Amino acid sequence: MTILVTGATGNVGRHVVEQLVRRGADVRALVRDPSKASLPEGVAVVRGDLLDVDSLRSAFSGVSTLFLLNAVVPDEFTQALIALNVAREAGIKRIVYLSVLEGERYVNVPHFAGKFAVERMIEAMGLNATILRPAYFINNDLTIKDVITGHGIYPMPIGSKGLAMVDVRDIGEVAALEVIRREQAAEPLPLDRIDLVGPDTLTGADVAAIWSDVLGRPIAYPGEDTAGFEANLRGFMPGWMAFDMRLMAERFATVGMVPQAGDVERLTALLGRPLHSYRDFAAHIAASA
């Protein structure tokens, strides 16, 4: 039986593929350009695009379980609906979908609202799926490490409500375990949701304090200047995406991203080890700075 992974070369997808291969799974990876895909030996690489129905039909042929990850793009919602409908057409009854935590509360944030709408579609259509709902990725902060180490500030306007930041390695491993659980079940399993969080719920000031500690010098948290945040992001991403990220930051500040009781314990038991922490991430960056 074959497991198909979309987004297989991205930050999360590559960890999903690695964890599946480590467990002996038969993995097929959907990529836009196979010549640029650097994946583990034994992974079958197929060319495809989530807006190209013919390529999806070909890629989904003979697949028993689908791991669906959609990139943050303007037509993300359409991509997800097409992929799920083609999967249903192909008779795939084992699905794991990567959504986002708090999608139902971040109603004005485009990529959150789109993922939550996909969740509703999965439920309404009675698809046999696990919906994984990760919090903010710890590893996103790789993009700002030079600002932290070079300018002495933690620039992400994440607010004071707290975010249960999660490491992509934990996301990838939980996803692989859930894919395999569905793949190996005698019958398609009912709908399930798993919130993916880190071991600590951190504010902007908390994160700055961690960086101060691991770097051995003061790192400041300048607060929630979301307009300035958007303006900075426009230097290296499209305007629509920078605005999307600003809206997300504003919801961080007003709502936060706090785990439910038992989330950390459930994930720790599932993985059989402690979750990766933000402090470990920062300490690793500091050691290599």
Protein backbone atom coordinates (compact mmCIF):
# COMPACT_ATOMS: atom_id res chain seq x y z
CA MET A 1 0.00 0.00 0.00
CA THR A 2 1.26 3.48 -0.88
CA ILE A 3 1.28 6.71 1.14
CA LEU A 4 1.27 9.95 -0.85
CA VAL A 5 2.79 13.07 0.73
CA THR A 6 2.15 16.52 -0.71
CA GLY A 7 4.47 19.40 0.18
CA ALA A 8 7.14 16.73 0.57
CA THR A 9 10.14 19.04 0.17
CA GLY A 10 8.98 21.77 2.57
CA ASN A 11 9.75 22.47 6.22
CA VAL A 12 7.15 20.01 7.54
CA GLY A 13 6.77 17.65 4.60
CA ARG A 14 10.40 16.57 4.51
CA HIS A 15 10.18 15.53 8.17
CA VAL A 16 6.99 13.58 7.45
CA VAL A 17 8.72 11.75 4.59
CA GLU A 18 11.83 11.01 6.67
CA GLN A 19 9.77 9.64 9.56
CA LEU A 20 7.67 7.49 7.24
CA VAL A 21 10.74 6.08 5.49
CA ARG A 22 12.35 5.38 8.87
CA ARG A 23 9.33 3.25 9.69
CA GLY A 24 9.49 1.28 6.47
CA ALA A 25 6.54 2.88 4.69
CA ASP A 26 6.04 2.87 0.92
CA VAL A 27 6.16 6.63 0.24
CA ARG A 28 5.27 8.57 -2.89
CA ALA A 29 6.08 12.30 -2.93
CA LEU A 30 4.19 14.82 -5.04
CA VAL A 31 6.51 17.63 -6.18
CA ARG A 32 6.42 20.28 -8.88
CA ASP A 33 9.98 19.67 -10.07
CA PRO A 34 11.40 16.19 -9.42
CA SER A 35 14.88 17.33 -10.51
CA LYS A 36 15.05 19.60 -7.45
CA ALA A 37 13.64 17.11 -4.94
CA SER A 38 16.23 15.85 -2.47
CA LEU A 39 14.42 13.04 -0.70
CA PRO A 40 15.48 9.81 1.03
CA GLU A 41 16.38 6.80 -1.04
CA GLY A 42 13.38 4.67 -1.89
CA VAL A 43 10.86 7.51 -2.07
CA ALA A 44 8.95 7.49 -5.37
CA VAL A 45 8.87 11.05 -6.69
CA VAL A 46 6.01 12.08 -8.99
CA ARG A 47 5.51 15.37 -10.77
CA GLY A 48 2.28 17.16 -10.01
CA ASP A 49 0.51 20.35 -9.07
CA LEU A 50 -2.45 20.73 -6.75
CA LEU A 51 -4.29 22.77 -9.38
CA ASP A 52 -3.58 20.24 -12.14
CA VAL A 53 -6.38 17.68 -11.86
CA ASP A 54 -4.87 15.30 -14.42
CA SER A 55 -1.54 15.20 -12.56
CA LEU A 56 -3.37 14.57 -9.28
CA ARG A 57 -5.40 11.75 -10.76
CA SER A 58 -2.19 10.11 -11.92
CA ALA A 59 -0.37 10.69 -8.62
CA PHE A 60 -3.32 9.45 -6.53
CA SER A 61 -3.69 6.21 -8.50
CA GLY A 62 -2.96 3.25 -6.24
CA VAL A 63 -2.61 5.41 -3.13
CA SER A 64 -4.08 4.09 0.11
CA THR A 65 -3.32 7.03 2.47
CA LEU A 66 -2.91 10.75 1.73
CA PHE A 67 -0.98 13.32 3.76
CA LEU A 68 -2.22 16.68 2.52
CA LEU A 69 -0.19 19.81 3.15
CA ASN A 70 -0.98 23.03 1.30
CA ALA A 71 1.45 25.94 1.11
CA VAL A 72 0.33 29.45 2.07
CA VAL A 73 -0.60 30.72 -1.39
CA PRO A 74 -3.52 32.85 -2.66
CA ASP A 75 -5.44 29.80 -3.92
CA GLU A 76 -4.65 27.50 -0.99
CA PHE A 77 -8.33 26.81 -0.29
CA THR A 78 -9.01 25.82 -3.91
CA GLN A 79 -5.95 23.58 -3.97
CA ALA A 80 -7.09 21.74 -0.86
CA LEU A 81 -10.64 21.21 -2.09
CA ILE A 82 -9.46 19.93 -5.47
CA ALA A 83 -7.00 17.52 -3.83
CA LEU A 84 -9.60 16.16 -1.42
CA ASN A 85 -12.22 15.73 -4.13
CA VAL A 86 -9.76 13.93 -6.40
CA ALA A 87 -8.74 11.76 -3.45
CA ARG A 88 -12.36 10.83 -2.84
CA GLU A 89 -12.78 10.10 -6.56
CA ALA A 90 -9.72 7.82 -6.35
CA GLY A 91 -11.23 5.92 -3.44
CA ILE A 92 -8.72 7.13 -0.84
CA LYS A 93 -10.35 6.74 2.58
CA ARG A 94 -7.36 7.40 4.80
CA ILE A 95 -6.36 11.07 5.01
CA VAL A 96 -4.25 13.25 7.29
CA TYR A 97 -4.67 16.99 6.71
CA LEU A 98 -2.36 19.67 8.09
CA SER A 99 -4.53 22.56 9.26
CA VAL A 100 -3.74 25.20 11.90
CA LEU A 101 -4.55 25.78 15.55
CA GLU A 102 -7.28 28.33 16.34
CA GLY A 103 -8.62 28.48 12.78
CA GLU A 104 -12.14 29.00 14.12
CA ARG A 105 -11.00 32.05 16.14
CA TYR A 106 -8.64 33.66 13.62
CA VAL A 107 -11.61 34.29 11.35
CA ASN A 108 -10.15 37.30 9.51
CA VAL A 109 -6.72 35.79 8.80
CA PRO A 110 -6.82 34.40 5.24
CA HIS A 111 -4.65 31.29 5.60
CA PHE A 112 -6.26 30.38 8.95
CA ALA A 113 -9.80 30.89 7.64
CA GLY A 114 -9.03 28.86 4.53
CA LYS A 115 -7.71 25.90 6.50
CA PHE A 116 -10.67 25.97 8.86
CA ALA A 117 -13.04 25.99 5.88
CA VAL A 118 -11.26 22.87 4.61
CA GLU A 119 -11.81 21.29 8.04
CA ARG A 120 -15.55 21.98 7.69
CA MET A 121 -15.55 20.46 4.21
CA ILE A 122 -13.82 17.32 5.49
CA GLU A 123 -16.41 16.96 8.23
CA ALA A 124 -19.42 17.76 6.03
CA MET A 125 -18.35 15.28 3.36
CA GLY A 126 -17.75 12.54 5.89
CA LEU A 127 -14.13 11.98 4.91
CA ASN A 128 -12.10 9.60 7.07
CA ALA A 129 -9.39 11.96 8.18
CA THR A 130 -7.20 13.18 10.99
CA ILE A 131 -6.93 16.96 11.13
CA LEU A 132 -3.62 18.08 12.61
CA ARG A 133 -3.77 21.60 14.05
CA PRO A 134 -0.28 22.98 14.74
CA ALA A 135 0.50 26.18 16.60
CA TYR A 136 3.11 28.70 15.44
CA PHE A 137 6.25 26.93 14.23
CA ILE A 138 9.32 27.48 16.43
CA ASN A 139 11.44 27.07 13.31
CA ASN A 140 9.84 30.12 11.65
CA ASP A 141 12.22 32.12 13.81
CA LEU A 142 15.19 30.90 11.80
CA THR A 143 14.32 33.75 9.43
CA ILE A 144 14.91 36.37 12.15
CA LYS A 145 17.95 34.92 13.91
CA ASP A 146 20.24 37.56 12.38
CA VAL A 147 17.96 40.32 13.66
CA ILE A 148 18.07 38.81 17.14
CA THR A 149 21.80 38.22 17.25
CA GLY A 150 22.80 41.31 15.28
CA HIS A 151 20.39 43.95 16.55
CA GLY A 152 19.47 42.70 20.01
CA ILE A 153 15.71 42.54 19.54
CA TYR A 154 13.12 39.82 19.12
CA PRO A 155 11.03 41.36 16.33
CA MET A 156 8.06 39.00 16.08
CA PRO A 157 5.01 40.85 17.50
CA ILE A 158 3.54 37.79 19.21
CA GLY A 159 2.00 39.66 22.14
CA SER A 160 1.38 38.81 25.77
CA LYS A 161 -1.39 36.19 25.56
CA GLY A 162 1.08 33.38 24.81
CA LEU A 163 1.81 31.00 21.95
CA ALA A 164 2.35 27.26 22.39
CA MET A 165 5.10 27.21 19.74
CA VAL A 166 5.80 23.79 18.22
CA ASP A 167 8.88 22.36 16.53
CA VAL A 168 8.45 21.10 12.96
CA ARG A 169 10.25 17.88 13.92
CA ASP A 170 7.47 17.11 16.37
CA ILE A 171 4.83 17.97 13.76
CA GLY A 172 6.49 15.68 11.24
CA GLU A 173 6.78 12.75 13.61
CA VAL A 174 3.22 13.01 14.92
CA ALA A 175 1.99 13.29 11.33
CA ALA A 176 3.91 10.17 10.31
CA LEU A 177 2.61 8.21 13.29
CA GLU A 178 -0.94 9.24 12.47
CA VAL A 179 -0.54 8.41 8.78
CA ILE A 180 0.75 4.95 9.69
CA ARG A 181 -2.05 4.42 12.24
CA ARG A 182 -4.61 5.09 9.54
CA GLU A 183 -2.70 3.13 6.91
CA GLN A 184 -2.51 0.02 9.10
CA ALA A 185 -6.08 0.11 10.43
CA ALA A 186 -8.27 -2.73 9.22
CA GLU A 187 -11.02 -0.26 8.34
CA PRO A 188 -10.96 3.51 7.64
CA LEU A 189 -10.91 5.33 10.97
CA PRO A 190 -13.41 8.05 11.92
CA LEU A 191 -12.65 11.77 11.95
CA ASP A 192 -10.16 12.91 14.58
CA ARG A 193 -8.40 16.16 15.46
CA ILE A 194 -5.02 16.57 17.15
CA ASP A 195 -3.74 19.91 18.38
CA LEU A 196 0.03 20.16 17.90
CA VAL A 197 1.69 22.38 20.50
CA GLY A 198 5.03 22.82 22.18
CA PRO A 199 5.88 22.22 25.83
CA ASP A 200 5.76 25.93 26.77
CA THR A 201 3.32 28.77 26.13
CA LEU A 202 5.45 31.85 25.55
CA THR A 203 4.86 35.59 25.26
CA GLY A 204 7.05 38.00 23.34
CA ALA A 205 8.78 38.99 26.57
CA ASP A 206 9.31 35.31 27.45
CA VAL A 207 11.01 34.62 24.12
CA ALA A 208 13.22 37.69 24.45
CA ALA A 209 14.23 36.50 27.94
CA ILE A 210 15.19 33.08 26.55
CA TRP A 211 17.37 34.71 23.91
CA SER A 212 18.94 36.97 26.53
CA ASP A 213 19.80 33.93 28.60
CA VAL A 214 21.27 31.77 25.84
CA LEU A 215 23.20 34.64 24.22
CA GLY A 216 24.40 36.11 27.51
CA ARG A 217 23.35 39.65 26.65
CA PRO A 218 20.09 41.63 26.68
CA ILE A 219 17.60 40.97 23.92
CA ALA A 220 14.60 43.32 23.92
CA TYR A 221 11.00 42.74 22.89
CA PRO A 222 9.84 45.99 21.26
CA GLY A 223 6.12 45.22 21.37
CA GLU A 224 3.34 44.88 18.83
CA ASP A 225 4.02 47.29 15.99
CA THR A 226 2.08 45.24 13.45
CA ALA A 227 2.14 47.99 10.81
CA GLY A 228 5.92 48.07 10.99
CA PHE A 229 5.97 44.26 10.91
CA GLU A 230 3.96 44.27 7.68
CA ALA A 231 6.23 46.91 6.16
CA ASN A 232 9.34 44.84 6.96
CA LEU A 233 7.83 41.68 5.53
CA ARG A 234 7.07 43.45 2.26
CA GLY A 235 10.82 43.53 1.67
CA PHE A 236 10.90 39.80 0.92
CA MET A 237 7.35 38.56 0.34
CA PRO A 238 4.29 39.62 -1.68
CA GLY A 239 2.10 42.34 -0.22
CA TRP A 240 -0.91 40.05 0.22
CA MET A 241 1.17 37.63 2.29
CA ALA A 242 2.72 40.38 4.40
CA PHE A 243 -0.80 41.66 5.18
CA ASP A 244 -1.93 38.11 6.01
CA MET A 245 0.99 37.81 8.46
CA ARG A 246 0.12 41.18 10.01
CA LEU A 247 -3.47 40.04 10.59
CA MET A 248 -2.12 36.85 12.17
CA ALA A 249 0.13 38.86 14.50
CA GLU A 250 -2.81 41.01 15.53
CA ARG A 251 -4.74 37.89 16.49
CA PHE A 252 -1.70 36.61 18.39
CA ALA A 253 -1.87 39.79 20.44
CA THR A 254 -5.60 39.65 21.10
CA VAL A 255 -6.32 35.90 21.27
CA GLY A 256 -3.01 34.07 21.65
CA MET A 257 -2.53 30.40 20.82
CA VAL A 258 -2.92 28.52 24.07
CA PRO A 259 -3.12 24.71 24.36
CA GLN A 260 -6.04 22.86 25.83
CA ALA A 261 -5.67 20.87 29.02
CA GLY A 262 -3.91 17.59 28.28
CA ASP A 263 -2.50 18.56 24.86
CA VAL A 264 1.15 18.45 25.94
CA GLU A 265 0.69 15.19 27.82
CA ARG A 266 -1.10 13.57 24.86
CA LEU A 267 1.68 14.49 22.45
CA THR A 268 4.43 13.45 24.86
CA ALA A 269 2.80 10.05 25.31
CA LEU A 270 2.31 9.66 21.55
CA LEU A 271 5.96 10.43 20.79
CA GLY A 272 7.34 8.60 23.82
CA ARG A 273 9.69 11.51 24.54
CA PRO A 274 9.59 15.18 25.60
CA LEU A 275 8.58 17.77 23.02
CA HIS A 276 11.28 19.99 21.56
CA SER A 277 11.38 23.35 23.33
CA TYR A 278 12.00 26.90 22.16
CA ARG A 279 14.91 27.14 24.58
CA ASP A 280 16.61 24.17 22.90
CA PHE A 281 16.09 25.84 19.51
CA ALA A 282 17.53 29.15 20.71
CA ALA A 283 20.46 27.46 22.46
CA HIS A 284 21.36 25.65 19.24
CA ILE A 285 21.31 28.91 17.29
CA ALA A 286 23.37 30.63 19.96
CA ALA A 287 25.98 27.87 19.96
CA SER A 288 26.48 28.19 16.22
CA ALA A 289 26.40 32.02 16.11
